[in-house]
């Protein structure tokens, strides 16, 4: 991967992952989350884990680290992505319980 591609991942991750995640952590909710009582900070934690995985994987490449260091950082990034997937599954489970509860309140099945 070239240096410009690595910088593109870091900058793109900051725009598309970091900024919305920090906004949700500070209390702002996107319109599609406003009606839900599911914990929105879990979604921001998913975004932060994914961005941390990008940083852990790309910074050693940009710094010109040895292959052993890059391999270790790739494993750490993989662990962070696994954590992000686990948090997303937890969020979806809690959101499904909320959706099911709302249907019962409004007379749905």
C-alpha atoms as a PDB file:
ATOM      1  CA  UNK A   1       0.000   0.000   0.000  1.00  0.00           C
ATOM      2  CA  UNK A   2       1.379   3.386  -0.931  1.00  0.00           C
ATOM      3  CA  UNK A   3       1.856   6.296   1.418  1.00  0.00           C
ATOM      4  CA  UNK A   4      -0.943   8.303  -0.179  1.00  0.00           C
ATOM      5  CA  UNK A   5      -3.363   5.390   0.251  1.00  0.00           C
ATOM      6  CA  UNK A   6      -2.396   5.078   3.914  1.00  0.00           C
ATOM      7  CA  UNK A   7      -2.953   8.792   4.478  1.00  0.00           C
ATOM      8  CA  UNK A   8      -6.280   8.485   2.651  1.00  0.00           C
ATOM      9  CA  UNK A   9      -7.373   5.780   5.102  1.00  0.00           C
ATOM     10  CA  UNK A  10      -6.321   7.844   8.108  1.00  0.00           C
ATOM     11  CA  UNK A  11      -8.039  11.022   6.875  1.00  0.00           C
ATOM     12  CA  UNK A  12     -11.117   9.184   5.591  1.00  0.00           C
ATOM     13  CA  UNK A  13     -11.424   7.354   8.884  1.00  0.00           C
ATOM     14  CA  UNK A  14     -11.239  10.647  10.748  1.00  0.00           C
ATOM     15  CA  UNK A  15     -14.028  12.125   8.627  1.00  0.00           C
ATOM     16  CA  UNK A  16     -16.355   9.130   8.396  1.00  0.00           C
ATOM     17  CA  UNK A  17     -15.673   7.301  11.690  1.00  0.00           C
ATOM     18  CA  UNK A  18     -14.135   9.626  14.244  1.00  0.00           C
ATOM     19  CA  UNK A  19     -16.261  12.746  13.816  1.00  0.00           C
ATOM     20  CA  UNK A  20     -19.693  11.037  14.041  1.00  0.00           C
ATOM     21  CA  UNK A  21     -18.521   8.851  16.928  1.00  0.00           C
ATOM     22  CA  UNK A  22     -17.367  11.833  18.957  1.00  0.00           C
ATOM     23  CA  UNK A  23     -20.598  13.686  18.133  1.00  0.00           C
ATOM     24  CA  UNK A  24     -22.695  10.816  19.498  1.00  0.00           C
ATOM     25  CA  UNK A  25     -20.505  10.604  22.604  1.00  0.00           C
ATOM     26  CA  UNK A  26     -21.071  14.308  23.284  1.00  0.00           C
ATOM     27  CA  UNK A  27     -24.830  13.767  23.305  1.00  0.00           C
ATOM     28  CA  UNK A  28     -25.907  14.508  19.753  1.00  0.00           C
ATOM     29  CA  UNK A  29     -28.140  11.869  18.182  1.00  0.00           C
ATOM     30  CA  UNK A  30     -28.670  11.433  14.457  1.00  0.00           C
ATOM     31  CA  UNK A  31     -32.280  11.558  13.302  1.00  0.00           C
ATOM     32  CA  UNK A  32     -32.473   7.795  12.790  1.00  0.00           C
ATOM     33  CA  UNK A  33     -31.532   7.213  16.469  1.00  0.00           C
ATOM     34  CA  UNK A  34     -33.733   9.813  18.133  1.00  0.00           C
ATOM     35  CA  UNK A  35     -36.792   7.599  18.636  1.00  0.00           C
ATOM     36  CA  UNK A  36     -34.814   4.650  19.942  1.00  0.00           C
ATOM     37  CA  UNK A  37     -33.986   4.024  23.573  1.00  0.00           C
ATOM     38  CA  UNK A  38     -31.106   1.741  22.631  1.00  0.00           C
ATOM     39  CA  UNK A  39     -27.753   2.976  23.970  1.00  0.00           C
ATOM     40  CA  UNK A  40     -26.309   5.168  21.217  1.00  0.00           C
ATOM     41  CA  UNK A  41     -22.883   5.411  22.912  1.00  0.00           C
ATOM     42  CA  UNK A  42     -22.365   1.774  21.935  1.00  0.00           C
ATOM     43  CA  UNK A  43     -22.484   2.844  18.299  1.00  0.00           C
ATOM     44  CA  UNK A  44     -19.915   5.541  18.949  1.00  0.00           C
ATOM     45  CA  UNK A  45     -17.698   2.967  20.679  1.00  0.00           C
ATOM     46  CA  UNK A  46     -17.970   0.833  17.530  1.00  0.00           C
ATOM     47  CA  UNK A  47     -16.765   3.785  15.439  1.00  0.00           C
ATOM     48  CA  UNK A  48     -13.918   4.542  17.830  1.00  0.00           C
ATOM     49  CA  UNK A  49     -12.768   0.912  17.813  1.00  0.00           C
ATOM     50  CA  UNK A  50     -12.826   0.827  14.022  1.00  0.00           C
ATOM     51  CA  UNK A  51     -10.865   4.093  13.781  1.00  0.00           C
ATOM     52  CA  UNK A  52      -8.345   2.851  16.347  1.00  0.00           C
ATOM     53  CA  UNK A  53      -7.889  -0.274  14.224  1.00  0.00           C
ATOM     54  CA  UNK A  54      -7.181   1.919  11.188  1.00  0.00           C
ATOM     55  CA  UNK A  55      -4.620   3.933  13.147  1.00  0.00           C
ATOM     56  CA  UNK A  56      -2.928   0.882  14.653  1.00  0.00           C
ATOM     57  CA  UNK A  57      -2.613  -0.676  11.213  1.00  0.00           C
ATOM     58  CA  UNK A  58      -1.587   2.379   9.186  1.00  0.00           C
ATOM     59  CA  UNK A  59       0.707   4.403  11.476  1.00  0.00           C
ATOM     60  CA  UNK A  60       3.466   1.729  11.554  1.00  0.00           C
ATOM     61  CA  UNK A  61       3.335   1.559   7.738  1.00  0.00           C
ATOM     62  CA  UNK A  62       3.708   5.324   7.493  1.00  0.00           C
ATOM     63  CA  UNK A  63       6.550   5.307  10.015  1.00  0.00           C
ATOM     64  CA  UNK A  64       8.413   2.598   8.102  1.00  0.00           C
ATOM     65  CA  UNK A  65       8.399   0.075  10.958  1.00  0.00           C
ATOM     66  CA  UNK A  66       9.863  -3.382  10.617  1.00  0.00           C
ATOM     67  CA  UNK A  67       7.700  -6.234   9.312  1.00  0.00           C
ATOM     68  CA  UNK A  68       7.503  -7.797  12.785  1.00  0.00           C
ATOM     69  CA  UNK A  69       6.090  -4.594  14.283  1.00  0.00           C
ATOM     70  CA  UNK A  70       3.628  -4.195  11.417  1.00  0.00           C
ATOM     71  CA  UNK A  71       2.481  -7.791  11.869  1.00  0.00           C
ATOM     72  CA  UNK A  72       1.944  -7.302  15.596  1.00  0.00           C
ATOM     73  CA  UNK A  73       0.027  -4.085  14.991  1.00  0.00           C
ATOM     74  CA  UNK A  74      -2.129  -5.866  12.410  1.00  0.00           C
ATOM     75  CA  UNK A  75      -3.096  -8.441  15.035  1.00  0.00           C
ATOM     76  CA  UNK A  76      -3.950  -5.666  17.497  1.00  0.00           C
ATOM     77  CA  UNK A  77      -6.074  -4.003  14.790  1.00  0.00           C
ATOM     78  CA  UNK A  78      -7.825  -7.303  14.150  1.00  0.00           C
ATOM     79  CA  UNK A  79      -8.630  -7.552  17.858  1.00  0.00           C
ATOM     80  CA  UNK A  80     -10.036  -4.022  17.815  1.00  0.00           C
ATOM     81  CA  UNK A  81     -12.235  -4.875  14.835  1.00  0.00           C
ATOM     82  CA  UNK A  82     -13.460  -7.968  16.679  1.00  0.00           C
ATOM     83  CA  UNK A  83     -14.322  -5.752  19.635  1.00  0.00           C
ATOM     84  CA  UNK A  84     -16.208  -3.398  17.291  1.00  0.00           C
ATOM     85  CA  UNK A  85     -18.210  -6.312  15.877  1.00  0.00           C
ATOM     86  CA  UNK A  86     -19.050  -7.532  19.382  1.00  0.00           C
ATOM     87  CA  UNK A  87     -20.222  -4.066  20.453  1.00  0.00           C
ATOM     88  CA  UNK A  88     -22.328  -3.757  17.308  1.00  0.00           C
ATOM     89  CA  UNK A  89     -23.990  -7.110  17.987  1.00  0.00           C
ATOM     90  CA  UNK A  90     -24.715  -5.971  21.552  1.00  0.00           C
ATOM     91  CA  UNK A  91     -26.216  -2.720  20.259  1.00  0.00           C
ATOM     92  CA  UNK A  92     -28.412  -4.556  17.733  1.00  0.00           C
ATOM     93  CA  UNK A  93     -29.611  -6.946  20.435  1.00  0.00           C
ATOM     94  CA  UNK A  94     -30.603  -4.061  22.706  1.00  0.00           C
ATOM     95  CA  UNK A  95     -32.177  -2.141  19.812  1.00  0.00           C
ATOM     96  CA  UNK A  96     -34.216  -5.203  18.804  1.00  0.00           C
ATOM     97  CA  UNK A  97     -35.568  -5.456  22.348  1.00  0.00           C
ATOM     98  CA  UNK A  98     -36.534  -1.778  22.180  1.00  0.00           C
ATOM     99  CA  UNK A  99     -38.221  -2.208  18.789  1.00  0.00           C
ATOM    100  CA  UNK A 100     -40.148  -5.219  20.049  1.00  0.00           C
ATOM    101  CA  UNK A 101     -41.278  -3.260  23.114  1.00  0.00           C
ATOM    102  CA  UNK A 102     -42.468  -0.331  20.985  1.00  0.00           C
ATOM    103  CA  UNK A 103     -44.553  -2.619  18.772  1.00  0.00           C
ATOM    104  CA  UNK A 104     -46.313  -4.053  21.813  1.00  0.00           C
ATOM    105  CA  UNK A 105     -47.091  -0.609  23.191  1.00  0.00           C
ATOM    106  CA  UNK A 106     -48.708   0.501  19.937  1.00  0.00           C
ATOM    107  CA  UNK A 107     -50.781  -2.625  19.450  1.00  0.00           C
ATOM    108  CA  UNK A 108     -48.549  -4.371  16.931  1.00  0.00           C
ATOM    109  CA  UNK A 109     -47.612  -8.042  17.030  1.00  0.00           C
END
